[in-house]
Amino acid sequence: MNQQANEKFGKKYHLRRLGEFRAVYAARNRARDGVMTLCLGPNNLDITRLGLSVSRKVGKACVRNLWKRRVREAFRRNRPSLPLSADIVVIPNRLDEVPPYPVIAASLIRLAAVAAKRFEKKTP
């Protein structure tokens, strides 16, 4: 039961304000693969937060919602594998169909690790 409490995706794990998204974009730290683009920026918190930027170019509402559900679930389940004290914005690529959950989860973990290494190299 305790592990379920730690896996919740509460409001404190969301990026919600425009300024929060702009701060992540201003960090200019991106990683990309065939599934998504991931932007990573620092925060002064002890948690990792997620923001989603899913435009209409990705597809109709049902497709965009499916993307968001799968990315949120990947973030929620794999939070310990992601960098700590970071804000992450995920931008899905325009694809013919939404990839299955395991592909999205693997891409999220891999891109977050790449972006975190780049960020460590930038900071003295």
PDB file of N, CA and C in Angstrom:
ATOM      1  N   MET A   1       0.818  -1.191   0.000  1.00  0.00           N
ATOM      2  CA  MET A   1       0.000   0.000   0.000  1.00  0.00           C
ATOM      3  C   MET A   1       0.866   1.261   0.000  1.00  0.00           C
ATOM      4  N   ASN A   2       1.984   1.237   0.705  1.00  0.00           N
ATOM      5  CA  ASN A   2       2.839   2.408   0.773  1.00  0.00           C
ATOM      6  C   ASN A   2       3.418   2.751  -0.595  1.00  0.00           C
ATOM      7  N   GLN A   3       3.746   1.718  -1.397  1.00  0.00           N
ATOM      8  CA  GLN A   3       4.297   1.983  -2.712  1.00  0.00           C
ATOM      9  C   GLN A   3       3.255   2.666  -3.604  1.00  0.00           C
ATOM     10  N   GLN A   4       1.988   2.310  -3.491  1.00  0.00           N
ATOM     11  CA  GLN A   4       0.955   2.972  -4.268  1.00  0.00           C
ATOM     12  C   GLN A   4       0.863   4.438  -3.911  1.00  0.00           C
ATOM     13  N   ALA A   5       1.017   4.773  -2.655  1.00  0.00           N
ATOM     14  CA  ALA A   5       0.954   6.163  -2.237  1.00  0.00           C
ATOM     15  C   ALA A   5       2.090   6.963  -2.864  1.00  0.00           C
ATOM     16  N   ASN A   6       3.267   6.338  -3.027  1.00  0.00           N
ATOM     17  CA  ASN A   6       4.406   7.017  -3.631  1.00  0.00           C
ATOM     18  C   ASN A   6       4.277   7.148  -5.145  1.00  0.00           C
ATOM     19  N   GLU A   7       3.439   6.335  -5.776  1.00  0.00           N
ATOM     20  CA  GLU A   7       3.303   6.354  -7.224  1.00  0.00           C
ATOM     21  C   GLU A   7       2.192   7.265  -7.717  1.00  0.00           C
ATOM     22  N   LYS A   8       1.497   7.937  -6.843  1.00  0.00           N
ATOM     23  CA  LYS A   8       0.422   8.816  -7.293  1.00  0.00           C
ATOM     24  C   LYS A   8       0.987   9.959  -8.105  1.00  0.00           C
ATOM     25  N   PHE A   9       0.173  10.489  -8.995  1.00  0.00           N
ATOM     26  CA  PHE A   9       0.579  11.603  -9.845  1.00  0.00           C
ATOM     27  C   PHE A   9      -0.209  12.835  -9.410  1.00  0.00           C
ATOM     28  N   GLY A  10       0.144  13.336  -8.243  1.00  0.00           N
ATOM     29  CA  GLY A  10      -0.574  14.471  -7.664  1.00  0.00           C
ATOM     30  C   GLY A  10      -0.185  15.783  -8.313  1.00  0.00           C
ATOM     31  N   LYS A  11      -0.829  16.839  -7.866  1.00  0.00           N
ATOM     32  CA  LYS A  11      -0.617  18.167  -8.450  1.00  0.00           C
ATOM     33  C   LYS A  11       0.807  18.664  -8.289  1.00  0.00           C
ATOM     34  N   LYS A  12       1.484  18.229  -7.242  1.00  0.00           N
ATOM     35  CA  LYS A  12       2.849  18.725  -7.038  1.00  0.00           C
ATOM     36  C   LYS A  12       3.815  18.196  -8.092  1.00  0.00           C
ATOM     37  N   TYR A  13       3.430  17.174  -8.841  1.00  0.00           N
ATOM     38  CA  TYR A  13       4.276  16.613  -9.885  1.00  0.00           C
ATOM     39  C   TYR A  13       3.971  17.185 -11.267  1.00  0.00           C
ATOM     40  N   HIS A  14       3.037  18.127 -11.365  1.00  0.00           N
ATOM     41  CA  HIS A  14       2.638  18.719 -12.643  1.00  0.00           C
ATOM     42  C   HIS A  14       3.320  20.060 -12.860  1.00  0.00           C
ATOM     43  N   LEU A  15       3.690  20.352 -14.082  1.00  0.00           N
ATOM     44  CA  LEU A  15       4.007  21.720 -14.480  1.00  0.00           C
ATOM     45  C   LEU A  15       2.690  22.298 -14.989  1.00  0.00           C
ATOM     46  N   ARG A  16       2.273  23.417 -14.415  1.00  0.00           N
ATOM     47  CA  ARG A  16       0.969  23.947 -14.786  1.00  0.00           C
ATOM     48  C   ARG A  16       1.014  25.381 -15.291  1.00  0.00           C
ATOM     49  N   ARG A  17       1.950  26.153 -14.849  1.00  0.00           N
ATOM     50  CA  ARG A  17       1.993  27.567 -15.217  1.00  0.00           C
ATOM     51  C   ARG A  17       2.885  27.790 -16.437  1.00  0.00           C
ATOM     52  N   LEU A  18       2.525  28.788 -17.216  1.00  0.00           N
ATOM     53  CA  LEU A  18       3.287  29.114 -18.419  1.00  0.00           C
ATOM     54  C   LEU A  18       4.740  29.441 -18.073  1.00  0.00           C
ATOM     55  N   GLY A  19       4.958  30.121 -16.968  1.00  0.00           N
ATOM     56  CA  GLY A  19       6.311  30.468 -16.552  1.00  0.00           C
ATOM     57  C   GLY A  19       7.163  29.249 -16.267  1.00  0.00           C
ATOM     58  N   GLU A  20       6.552  28.190 -15.742  1.00  0.00           N
ATOM     59  CA  GLU A  20       7.283  26.950 -15.468  1.00  0.00           C
ATOM     60  C   GLU A  20       7.733  26.296 -16.781  1.00  0.00           C
ATOM     61  N   PHE A  21       6.843  26.286 -17.769  1.00  0.00           N
ATOM     62  CA  PHE A  21       7.196  25.731 -19.073  1.00  0.00           C
ATOM     63  C   PHE A  21       8.292  26.570 -19.720  1.00  0.00           C
ATOM     64  N   ARG A  22       8.159  27.895 -19.660  1.00  0.00           N
ATOM     65  CA  ARG A  22       9.157  28.783 -20.266  1.00  0.00           C
ATOM     66  C   ARG A  22      10.536  28.600 -19.628  1.00  0.00           C
ATOM     67  N   ALA A  23      10.566  28.364 -18.316  1.00  0.00           N
ATOM     68  CA  ALA A  23      11.846  28.146 -17.635  1.00  0.00           C
ATOM     69  C   ALA A  23      12.531  26.881 -18.147  1.00  0.00           C
ATOM     70  N   VAL A  24      11.761  25.846 -18.403  1.00  0.00           N
ATOM     71  CA  VAL A  24      12.333  24.603 -18.932  1.00  0.00           C
ATOM     72  C   VAL A  24      12.851  24.833 -20.350  1.00  0.00           C
ATOM     73  N   TYR A  25      12.063  25.522 -21.175  1.00  0.00           N
ATOM     74  CA  TYR A  25      12.501  25.803 -22.543  1.00  0.00           C
ATOM     75  C   TYR A  25      13.735  26.700 -22.544  1.00  0.00           C
ATOM     76  N   ALA A  26      13.818  27.646 -21.604  1.00  0.00           N
ATOM     77  CA  ALA A  26      14.952  28.569 -21.533  1.00  0.00           C
ATOM     78  C   ALA A  26      16.245  27.849 -21.158  1.00  0.00           C
ATOM     79  N   ALA A  27      16.153  26.714 -20.479  1.00  0.00           N
ATOM     80  CA  ALA A  27      17.351  25.940 -20.132  1.00  0.00           C
ATOM     81  C   ALA A  27      18.031  25.384 -21.382  1.00  0.00           C
ATOM     82  N   ARG A  28      17.289  25.301 -22.495  1.00  0.00           N
ATOM     83  CA  ARG A  28      17.815  24.873 -23.794  1.00  0.00           C
ATOM     84  C   ARG A  28      18.538  23.532 -23.708  1.00  0.00           C
ATOM     85  N   ASN A  29      17.897  22.605 -23.048  1.00  0.00           N
ATOM     86  CA  ASN A  29      18.464  21.276 -22.869  1.00  0.00           C
ATOM     87  C   ASN A  29      17.447  20.266 -23.391  1.00  0.00           C
ATOM     88  N   ARG A  30      17.672  19.766 -24.594  1.00  0.00           N
ATOM     89  CA  ARG A  30      16.714  18.867 -25.235  1.00  0.00           C
ATOM     90  C   ARG A  30      17.387  17.571 -25.651  1.00  0.00           C
ATOM     91  N   ALA A  31      16.574  16.537 -25.680  1.00  0.00           N
ATOM     92  CA  ALA A  31      17.001  15.250 -26.229  1.00  0.00           C
ATOM     93  C   ALA A  31      15.836  14.736 -27.065  1.00  0.00           C
ATOM     94  N   ARG A  32      16.143  14.067 -28.159  1.00  0.00           N
ATOM     95  CA  ARG A  32      15.087  13.659 -29.078  1.00  0.00           C
ATOM     96  C   ARG A  32      15.374  12.281 -29.650  1.00  0.00           C
ATOM     97  N   ASP A  33      14.305  11.532 -29.874  1.00  0.00           N
ATOM     98  CA  ASP A  33      14.411  10.279 -30.604  1.00  0.00           C
ATOM     99  C   ASP A  33      13.204  10.179 -31.524  1.00  0.00           C
ATOM    100  N   GLY A  34      12.920   9.011 -32.054  1.00  0.00           N
ATOM    101  CA  GLY A  34      11.817   8.847 -32.988  1.00  0.00           C
ATOM    102  C   GLY A  34      10.445   8.919 -32.363  1.00  0.00           C
ATOM    103  N   VAL A  35      10.377   8.907 -31.035  1.00  0.00           N
ATOM    104  CA  VAL A  35       9.095   8.892 -30.334  1.00  0.00           C
ATOM    105  C   VAL A  35       8.712  10.271 -29.813  1.00  0.00           C
ATOM    106  N   MET A  36       9.662  10.969 -29.192  1.00  0.00           N
ATOM    107  CA  MET A  36       9.340  12.241 -28.540  1.00  0.00           C
ATOM    108  C   MET A  36      10.566  13.121 -28.415  1.00  0.00           C
ATOM    109  N   THR A  37      10.303  14.381 -28.071  1.00  0.00           N
ATOM    110  CA  THR A  37      11.341  15.325 -27.691  1.00  0.00           C
ATOM    111  C   THR A  37      11.164  15.604 -26.214  1.00  0.00           C
ATOM    112  N   LEU A  38      12.257  15.595 -25.466  1.00  0.00           N
ATOM    113  CA  LEU A  38      12.202  15.832 -24.029  1.00  0.00           C
ATOM    114  C   LEU A  38      13.050  17.055 -23.711  1.00  0.00           C
ATOM    115  N   CYS A  39      12.475  18.010 -23.008  1.00  0.00           N
ATOM    116  CA  CYS A  39      13.183  19.203 -22.542  1.00  0.00           C
ATOM    117  C   CYS A  39      13.345  19.069 -21.033  1.00  0.00           C
ATOM    118  N   LEU A  40      14.539  19.360 -20.539  1.00  0.00           N
ATOM    119  CA  LEU A  40      14.810  19.207 -19.113  1.00  0.00           C
ATOM    120  C   LEU A  40      15.415  20.492 -18.562  1.00  0.00           C
ATOM    121  N   GLY A  41      14.898  20.927 -17.437  1.00  0.00           N
ATOM    122  CA  GLY A  41      15.425  22.100 -16.756  1.00  0.00           C
ATOM    123  C   GLY A  41      15.468  21.857 -15.261  1.00  0.00           C
ATOM    124  N   PRO A  42      16.307  22.597 -14.551  1.00  0.00           N
ATOM    125  CA  PRO A  42      16.415  22.391 -13.103  1.00  0.00           C
ATOM    126  C   PRO A  42      15.247  23.033 -12.361  1.00  0.00           C
ATOM    127  N   ASN A  43      14.944  22.508 -11.204  1.00  0.00           N
ATOM    128  CA  ASN A  43      14.037  23.181 -10.277  1.00  0.00           C
ATOM    129  C   ASN A  43      14.670  23.133  -8.888  1.00  0.00           C
ATOM    130  N   ASN A  44      14.216  23.940  -8.008  1.00  0.00           N
ATOM    131  CA  ASN A  44      14.797  23.995  -6.660  1.00  0.00           C
ATOM    132  C   ASN A  44      14.000  23.156  -5.680  1.00  0.00           C
ATOM    133  N   LEU A  45      13.391  22.120  -6.173  1.00  0.00           N
ATOM    134  CA  LEU A  45      12.568  21.233  -5.351  1.00  0.00           C
ATOM    135  C   LEU A  45      13.258  19.878  -5.251  1.00  0.00           C
ATOM    136  N   ASP A  46      12.802  19.043  -4.365  1.00  0.00           N
ATOM    137  CA  ASP A  46      13.351  17.691  -4.226  1.00  0.00           C
ATOM    138  C   ASP A  46      12.544  16.672  -5.019  1.00  0.00           C
ATOM    139  N   ILE A  47      11.783  17.138  -5.994  1.00  0.00           N
ATOM    140  CA  ILE A  47      10.950  16.246  -6.793  1.00  0.00           C
ATOM    141  C   ILE A  47      11.174  16.525  -8.273  1.00  0.00           C
ATOM    142  N   THR A  48      10.772  15.580  -9.087  1.00  0.00           N
ATOM    143  CA  THR A  48      10.782  15.742 -10.531  1.00  0.00           C
ATOM    144  C   THR A  48       9.356  16.012 -10.964  1.00  0.00           C
ATOM    145  N   ARG A  49       9.178  17.021 -11.822  1.00  0.00           N
ATOM    146  CA  ARG A  49       7.838  17.378 -12.290  1.00  0.00           C
ATOM    147  C   ARG A  49       7.748  17.181 -13.794  1.00  0.00           C
ATOM    148  N   LEU A  50       6.519  16.954 -14.277  1.00  0.00           N
ATOM    149  CA  LEU A  50       6.274  16.668 -15.686  1.00  0.00           C
ATOM    150  C   LEU A  50       5.317  17.680 -16.277  1.00  0.00           C
ATOM    151  N   GLY A  51       5.635  18.126 -17.475  1.00  0.00           N
ATOM    152  CA  GLY A  51       4.737  18.954 -18.264  1.00  0.00           C
ATOM    153  C   GLY A  51       4.571  18.316 -19.628  1.00  0.00           C
ATOM    154  N   LEU A  52       3.391  18.443 -20.206  1.00  0.00           N
ATOM    155  CA  LEU A  52       3.116  17.856 -21.513  1.00  0.00           C
ATOM    156  C   LEU A  52       2.730  18.956 -22.495  1.00  0.00           C
ATOM    157  N   SER A  53       3.292  18.889 -23.678  1.00  0.00           N
ATOM    158  CA  SER A  53       2.964  19.828 -24.736  1.00  0.00           C
ATOM    159  C   SER A  53       2.560  19.011 -25.951  1.00  0.00           C
ATOM    160  N   VAL A  54       1.269  18.740 -26.059  1.00  0.00           N
ATOM    161  CA  VAL A  54       0.751  17.883 -27.119  1.00  0.00           C
ATOM    162  C   VAL A  54      -0.134  18.742 -28.025  1.00  0.00           C
ATOM    163  N   SER A  55       0.397  19.102 -29.191  1.00  0.00           N
ATOM    164  CA  SER A  55      -0.334  20.003 -30.078  1.00  0.00           C
ATOM    165  C   SER A  55      -1.318  19.248 -30.959  1.00  0.00           C
ATOM    166  N   ARG A  56      -2.135  20.004 -31.666  1.00  0.00           N
ATOM    167  CA  ARG A  56      -3.105  19.399 -32.581  1.00  0.00           C
ATOM    168  C   ARG A  56      -2.435  18.714 -33.758  1.00  0.00           C
ATOM    169  N   LYS A  57      -1.197  19.048 -34.023  1.00  0.00           N
ATOM    170  CA  LYS A  57      -0.469  18.403 -35.116  1.00  0.00           C
ATOM    171  C   LYS A  57      -0.304  16.908 -34.868  1.00  0.00           C
ATOM    172  N   VAL A  58      -0.352  16.505 -33.600  1.00  0.00           N
ATOM    173  CA  VAL A  58      -0.188  15.098 -33.234  1.00  0.00           C
ATOM    174  C   VAL A  58      -1.405  14.283 -33.662  1.00  0.00           C
ATOM    175  N   GLY A  59      -2.582  14.895 -33.630  1.00  0.00           N
ATOM    176  CA  GLY A  59      -3.789  14.181 -34.029  1.00  0.00           C
ATOM    177  C   GLY A  59      -5.025  14.764 -33.375  1.00  0.00           C
ATOM    178  N   LYS A  60      -6.113  14.055 -33.531  1.00  0.00           N
ATOM    179  CA  LYS A  60      -7.373  14.490 -32.941  1.00  0.00           C
ATOM    180  C   LYS A  60      -7.330  14.327 -31.427  1.00  0.00           C
ATOM    181  N   ALA A  61      -8.373  14.801 -30.774  1.00  0.00           N
ATOM    182  CA  ALA A  61      -8.407  14.829 -29.313  1.00  0.00           C
ATOM    183  C   ALA A  61      -8.175  13.447 -28.697  1.00  0.00           C
ATOM    184  N   CYS A  62      -8.771  12.422 -29.264  1.00  0.00           N
ATOM    185  CA  CYS A  62      -8.612  11.083 -28.677  1.00  0.00           C
ATOM    186  C   CYS A  62      -7.161  10.619 -28.760  1.00  0.00           C
ATOM    187  N   VAL A  63      -6.465  10.982 -29.840  1.00  0.00           N
ATOM    188  CA  VAL A  63      -5.054  10.617 -29.989  1.00  0.00           C
ATOM    189  C   VAL A  63      -4.199  11.409 -29.007  1.00  0.00           C
ATOM    190  N   ARG A  64      -4.458  12.712 -28.891  1.00  0.00           N
ATOM    191  CA  ARG A  64      -3.702  13.538 -27.955  1.00  0.00           C
ATOM    192  C   ARG A  64      -3.904  13.065 -26.519  1.00  0.00           C
ATOM    193  N   ASN A  65      -5.117  12.722 -26.172  1.00  0.00           N
ATOM    194  CA  ASN A  65      -5.400  12.235 -24.818  1.00  0.00           C
ATOM    195  C   ASN A  65      -4.716  10.905 -24.546  1.00  0.00           C
ATOM    196  N   LEU A  66      -4.653  10.040 -25.532  1.00  0.00           N
ATOM    197  CA  LEU A  66      -3.960   8.757 -25.360  1.00  0.00           C
ATOM    198  C   LEU A  66      -2.472   8.986 -25.126  1.00  0.00           C
ATOM    199  N   TRP A  67      -1.875   9.898 -25.892  1.00  0.00           N
ATOM    200  CA  TRP A  67      -0.478  10.259 -25.661  1.00  0.00           C
ATOM    201  C   TRP A  67      -0.274  10.716 -24.230  1.00  0.00           C
ATOM    202  N   LYS A  68      -1.121  11.633 -23.783  1.00  0.00           N
ATOM    203  CA  LYS A  68      -0.962  12.193 -22.436  1.00  0.00           C
ATOM    204  C   LYS A  68      -1.113  11.118 -21.362  1.00  0.00           C
ATOM    205  N   ARG A  69      -2.092  10.243 -21.508  1.00  0.00           N
ATOM    206  CA  ARG A  69      -2.285   9.173 -20.521  1.00  0.00           C
ATOM    207  C   ARG A  69      -1.063   8.270 -20.447  1.00  0.00           C
ATOM    208  N   ARG A  70      -0.521   7.896 -21.600  1.00  0.00           N
ATOM    209  CA  ARG A  70       0.627   6.984 -21.613  1.00  0.00           C
ATOM    210  C   ARG A  70       1.895   7.645 -21.075  1.00  0.00           C
ATOM    211  N   VAL A  71       2.120   8.911 -21.398  1.00  0.00           N
ATOM    212  CA  VAL A  71       3.315   9.590 -20.892  1.00  0.00           C
ATOM    213  C   VAL A  71       3.198   9.800 -19.384  1.00  0.00           C
ATOM    214  N   ARG A  72       2.028  10.192 -18.913  1.00  0.00           N
ATOM    215  CA  ARG A  72       1.843  10.369 -17.458  1.00  0.00           C
ATOM    216  C   ARG A  72       2.059   9.053 -16.716  1.00  0.00           C
ATOM    217  N   GLU A  73       1.547   7.972 -17.266  1.00  0.00           N
ATOM    218  CA  GLU A  73       1.726   6.661 -16.628  1.00  0.00           C
ATOM    219  C   GLU A  73       3.202   6.257 -16.625  1.00  0.00           C
ATOM    220  N   ALA A  74       3.898   6.504 -17.718  1.00  0.00           N
ATOM    221  CA  ALA A  74       5.330   6.195 -17.778  1.00  0.00           C
ATOM    222  C   ALA A  74       6.095   7.018 -16.749  1.00  0.00           C
ATOM    223  N   PHE A  75       5.744   8.282 -16.614  1.00  0.00           N
ATOM    224  CA  PHE A  75       6.389   9.145 -15.626  1.00  0.00           C
ATOM    225  C   PHE A  75       6.092   8.653 -14.212  1.00  0.00           C
ATOM    226  N   ARG A  76       4.842   8.345 -13.951  1.00  0.00           N
ATOM    227  CA  ARG A  76       4.422   7.929 -12.612  1.00  0.00           C
ATOM    228  C   ARG A  76       5.132   6.643 -12.191  1.00  0.00           C
ATOM    229  N   ARG A  77       5.189   5.673 -13.078  1.00  0.00           N
ATOM    230  CA  ARG A  77       5.777   4.377 -12.729  1.00  0.00           C
ATOM    231  C   ARG A  77       7.300   4.399 -12.670  1.00  0.00           C
ATOM    232  N   ASN A  78       7.917   5.309 -13.420  1.00  0.00           N
ATOM    233  CA  ASN A  78       9.376   5.309 -13.536  1.00  0.00           C
ATOM    234  C   ASN A  78      10.022   6.520 -12.882  1.00  0.00           C
ATOM    235  N   ARG A  79       9.323   7.186 -12.002  1.00  0.00           N
ATOM    236  CA  ARG A  79       9.855   8.381 -11.353  1.00  0.00           C
ATOM    237  C   ARG A  79      11.204   8.151 -10.673  1.00  0.00           C
ATOM    238  N   PRO A  80      11.436   7.011  -9.997  1.00  0.00           N
ATOM    239  CA  PRO A  80      12.755   6.802  -9.377  1.00  0.00           C
ATOM    240  C   PRO A  80      13.904   6.729 -10.386  1.00  0.00           C
ATOM    241  N   SER A  81      13.617   6.378 -11.631  1.00  0.00           N
ATOM    242  CA  SER A  81      14.657   6.279 -12.660  1.00  0.00           C
ATOM    243  C   SER A  81      14.962   7.620 -13.320  1.00  0.00           C
ATOM    244  N   LEU A  82      14.167   8.631 -13.031  1.00  0.00           N
ATOM    245  CA  LEU A  82      14.334   9.942 -13.659  1.00  0.00           C
ATOM    246  C   LEU A  82      15.195  10.841 -12.780  1.00  0.00           C
ATOM    247  N   PRO A  83      15.827  11.860 -13.390  1.00  0.00           N
ATOM    248  CA  PRO A  83      16.673  12.765 -12.610  1.00  0.00           C
ATOM    249  C   PRO A  83      15.878  13.483 -11.524  1.00  0.00           C
ATOM    250  N   LEU A  84      16.507  13.686 -10.378  1.00  0.00           N
ATOM    251  CA  LEU A  84      15.865  14.354  -9.252  1.00  0.00           C
ATOM    252  C   LEU A  84      16.023  15.865  -9.395  1.00  0.00           C
ATOM    253  N   SER A  85      15.083  16.619  -8.863  1.00  0.00           N
ATOM    254  CA  SER A  85      15.108  18.089  -8.893  1.00  0.00           C
ATOM    255  C   SER A  85      15.155  18.614 -10.325  1.00  0.00           C
ATOM    256  N   ALA A  86      14.306  18.063 -11.171  1.00  0.00           N
ATOM    257  CA  ALA A  86      14.258  18.489 -12.563  1.00  0.00           C
ATOM    258  C   ALA A  86      12.816  18.667 -12.996  1.00  0.00           C
ATOM    259  N   ASP A  87      12.621  19.577 -13.940  1.00  0.00           N
ATOM    260  CA  ASP A  87      11.341  19.731 -14.606  1.00  0.00           C
ATOM    261  C   ASP A  87      11.500  19.167 -16.010  1.00  0.00           C
ATOM    262  N   ILE A  88      10.555  18.340 -16.416  1.00  0.00           N
ATOM    263  CA  ILE A  88      10.613  17.678 -17.713  1.00  0.00           C
ATOM    264  C   ILE A  88       9.383  18.075 -18.512  1.00  0.00           C
ATOM    265  N   VAL A  89       9.589  18.480 -19.766  1.00  0.00           N
ATOM    266  CA  VAL A  89       8.484  18.726 -20.689  1.00  0.00           C
ATOM    267  C   VAL A  89       8.630  17.738 -21.832  1.00  0.00           C
ATOM    268  N   VAL A  90       7.567  16.995 -22.115  1.00  0.00           N
ATOM    269  CA  VAL A  90       7.553  16.001 -23.173  1.00  0.00           C
ATOM    270  C   VAL A  90       6.717  16.535 -24.336  1.00  0.00           C
ATOM    271  N   ILE A  91       7.296  16.462 -25.537  1.00  0.00           N
ATOM    272  CA  ILE A  91       6.612  16.863 -26.761  1.00  0.00           C
ATOM    273  C   ILE A  91       6.601  15.651 -27.683  1.00  0.00           C
ATOM    274  N   PRO A  92       5.438  15.022 -27.879  1.00  0.00           N
ATOM    275  CA  PRO A  92       5.381  13.830 -28.730  1.00  0.00           C
ATOM    276  C   PRO A  92       5.627  14.170 -30.198  1.00  0.00           C
ATOM    277  N   ASN A  93       6.234  13.242 -30.920  1.00  0.00           N
ATOM    278  CA  ASN A  93       6.415  13.394 -32.359  1.00  0.00           C
ATOM    279  C   ASN A  93       5.130  13.022 -33.074  1.00  0.00           C
ATOM    280  N   ARG A  94       4.958  13.570 -34.257  1.00  0.00           N
ATOM    281  CA  ARG A  94       3.800  13.232 -35.073  1.00  0.00           C
ATOM    282  C   ARG A  94       4.062  11.870 -35.711  1.00  0.00           C
ATOM    283  N   LEU A  95       3.288  10.885 -35.328  1.00  0.00           N
ATOM    284  CA  LEU A  95       3.461   9.523 -35.831  1.00  0.00           C
ATOM    285  C   LEU A  95       2.140   9.021 -36.401  1.00  0.00           C
ATOM    286  N   ASP A  96       2.201   7.912 -37.124  1.00  0.00           N
ATOM    287  CA  ASP A  96       0.985   7.341 -37.686  1.00  0.00           C
ATOM    288  C   ASP A  96       0.054   6.828 -36.595  1.00  0.00           C
ATOM    289  N   GLU A  97       0.630   6.286 -35.531  1.00  0.00           N
ATOM    290  CA  GLU A  97      -0.174   5.815 -34.403  1.00  0.00           C
ATOM    291  C   GLU A  97       0.610   6.007 -33.114  1.00  0.00           C
ATOM    292  N   VAL A  98      -0.103   6.036 -32.012  1.00  0.00           N
ATOM    293  CA  VAL A  98       0.531   6.234 -30.710  1.00  0.00           C
ATOM    294  C   VAL A  98       1.295   4.966 -30.352  1.00  0.00           C
ATOM    295  N   PRO A  99       2.578   5.104 -29.995  1.00  0.00           N
ATOM    296  CA  PRO A  99       3.357   3.913 -29.633  1.00  0.00           C
ATOM    297  C   PRO A  99       2.797   3.249 -28.369  1.00  0.00           C
ATOM    298  N   PRO A 100       3.042   1.962 -28.205  1.00  0.00           N
ATOM    299  CA  PRO A 100       2.594   1.291 -26.987  1.00  0.00           C
ATOM    300  C   PRO A 100       3.338   1.825 -25.761  1.00  0.00           C
ATOM    301  N   TYR A 101       2.751   1.584 -24.605  1.00  0.00           N
ATOM    302  CA  TYR A 101       3.306   2.094 -23.350  1.00  0.00           C
ATOM    303  C   TYR A 101       4.776   1.738 -23.150  1.00  0.00           C
ATOM    304  N   PRO A 102       5.218   0.478 -23.353  1.00  0.00           N
ATOM    305  CA  PRO A 102       6.629   0.153 -23.102  1.00  0.00           C
ATOM    306  C   PRO A 102       7.602   0.983 -23.944  1.00  0.00           C
ATOM    307  N   VAL A 103       7.225   1.317 -25.153  1.00  0.00           N
ATOM    308  CA  VAL A 103       8.084   2.127 -26.021  1.00  0.00           C
ATOM    309  C   VAL A 103       8.184   3.547 -25.467  1.00  0.00           C
ATOM    310  N   ILE A 104       7.069   4.096 -25.046  1.00  0.00           N
ATOM    311  CA  ILE A 104       7.059   5.451 -24.478  1.00  0.00           C
ATOM    312  C   ILE A 104       7.861   5.492 -23.185  1.00  0.00           C
ATOM    313  N   ALA A 105       7.683   4.502 -22.328  1.00  0.00           N
ATOM    314  CA  ALA A 105       8.401   4.467 -21.051  1.00  0.00           C
ATOM    315  C   ALA A 105       9.910   4.370 -21.276  1.00  0.00           C
ATOM    316  N   ALA A 106      10.329   3.506 -22.180  1.00  0.00           N
ATOM    317  CA  ALA A 106      11.760   3.351 -22.460  1.00  0.00           C
ATOM    318  C   ALA A 106      12.341   4.642 -23.041  1.00  0.00           C
ATOM    319  N   SER A 107      11.593   5.281 -23.920  1.00  0.00           N
ATOM    320  CA  SER A 107      12.055   6.538 -24.517  1.00  0.00           C
ATOM    321  C   SER A 107      12.177   7.631 -23.461  1.00  0.00           C
ATOM    322  N   LEU A 108      11.199   7.724 -22.563  1.00  0.00           N
ATOM    323  CA  LEU A 108      11.225   8.733 -21.501  1.00  0.00           C
ATOM    324  C   LEU A 108      12.454   8.563 -20.612  1.00  0.00           C
ATOM    325  N   ILE A 109      12.732   7.353 -20.187  1.00  0.00           N
ATOM    326  CA  ILE A 109      13.882   7.087 -19.308  1.00  0.00           C
ATOM    327  C   ILE A 109      15.196   7.380 -20.030  1.00  0.00           C
ATOM    328  N   ARG A 110      15.312   6.914 -21.268  1.00  0.00           N
ATOM    329  CA  ARG A 110      16.541   7.109 -22.034  1.00  0.00           C
ATOM    330  C   ARG A 110      16.806   8.595 -22.309  1.00  0.00           C
ATOM    331  N   LEU A 111      15.792   9.314 -22.757  1.00  0.00           N
ATOM    332  CA  LEU A 111      15.975  10.733 -23.077  1.00  0.00           C
ATOM    333  C   LEU A 111      16.244  11.572 -21.830  1.00  0.00           C
ATOM    334  N   ALA A 112      15.612  11.226 -20.710  1.00  0.00           N
ATOM    335  CA  ALA A 112      15.863  11.957 -19.466  1.00  0.00           C
ATOM    336  C   ALA A 112      17.309  11.771 -19.024  1.00  0.00           C
ATOM    337  N   ALA A 113      17.846  10.573 -19.187  1.00  0.00           N
ATOM    338  CA  ALA A 113      19.245  10.323 -18.818  1.00  0.00           C
ATOM    339  C   ALA A 113      20.195  11.110 -19.720  1.00  0.00           C
ATOM    340  N   VAL A 114      19.898  11.146 -21.017  1.00  0.00           N
ATOM    341  CA  VAL A 114      20.741  11.894 -21.959  1.00  0.00           C
ATOM    342  C   VAL A 114      20.703  13.382 -21.632  1.00  0.00           C
ATOM    343  N   ALA A 115      19.519  13.918 -21.417  1.00  0.00           N
ATOM    344  CA  ALA A 115      19.384  15.347 -21.117  1.00  0.00           C
ATOM    345  C   ALA A 115      20.040  15.687 -19.780  1.00  0.00           C
ATOM    346  N   ALA A 116      19.951  14.798 -18.805  1.00  0.00           N
ATOM    347  CA  ALA A 116      20.573  15.058 -17.503  1.00  0.00           C
ATOM    348  C   ALA A 116      22.099  15.101 -17.639  1.00  0.00           C
ATOM    349  N   LYS A 117      22.674  14.221 -18.453  1.00  0.00           N
ATOM    350  CA  LYS A 117      24.128  14.239 -18.663  1.00  0.00           C
ATOM    351  C   LYS A 117      24.556  15.531 -19.344  1.00  0.00           C
ATOM    352  N   ARG A 118      23.785  15.968 -20.326  1.00  0.00           N
ATOM    353  CA  ARG A 118      24.099  17.224 -21.011  1.00  0.00           C
ATOM    354  C   ARG A 118      24.035  18.402 -20.027  1.00  0.00           C
ATOM    355  N   PHE A 119      23.035  18.352 -19.148  1.00  0.00           N
ATOM    356  CA  PHE A 119      22.863  19.435 -18.194  1.00  0.00           C
ATOM    357  C   PHE A 119      24.029  19.475 -17.206  1.00  0.00           C
ATOM    358  N   GLU A 120      24.501  18.299 -16.782  1.00  0.00           N
ATOM    359  CA  GLU A 120      25.629  18.237 -15.859  1.00  0.00           C
ATOM    360  C   GLU A 120      26.902  18.799 -16.490  1.00  0.00           C
ATOM    361  N   LYS A 121      27.066  18.585 -17.795  1.00  0.00           N
ATOM    362  CA  LYS A 121      28.233  19.111 -18.485  1.00  0.00           C
ATOM    363  C   LYS A 121      28.183  20.628 -18.602  1.00  0.00           C
ATOM    364  N   LYS A 122      26.980  21.202 -18.713  1.00  0.00           N
ATOM    365  CA  LYS A 122      26.824  22.647 -18.853  1.00  0.00           C
ATOM    366  C   LYS A 122      27.107  23.387 -17.552  1.00  0.00           C
ATOM    367  N   THR A 123      26.735  22.790 -16.409  1.00  0.00           N
ATOM    368  CA  THR A 123      26.914  23.460 -15.130  1.00  0.00           C
ATOM    369  C   THR A 123      28.321  23.221 -14.616  1.00  0.00           C
ATOM    370  N   PRO A 124      28.986  24.295 -14.149  1.00  0.00           N
ATOM    371  CA  PRO A 124      30.370  24.143 -13.662  1.00  0.00           C
ATOM    372  C   PRO A 124      30.438  23.467 -12.310  1.00  0.00           C
TER     373      PRO A 124
END
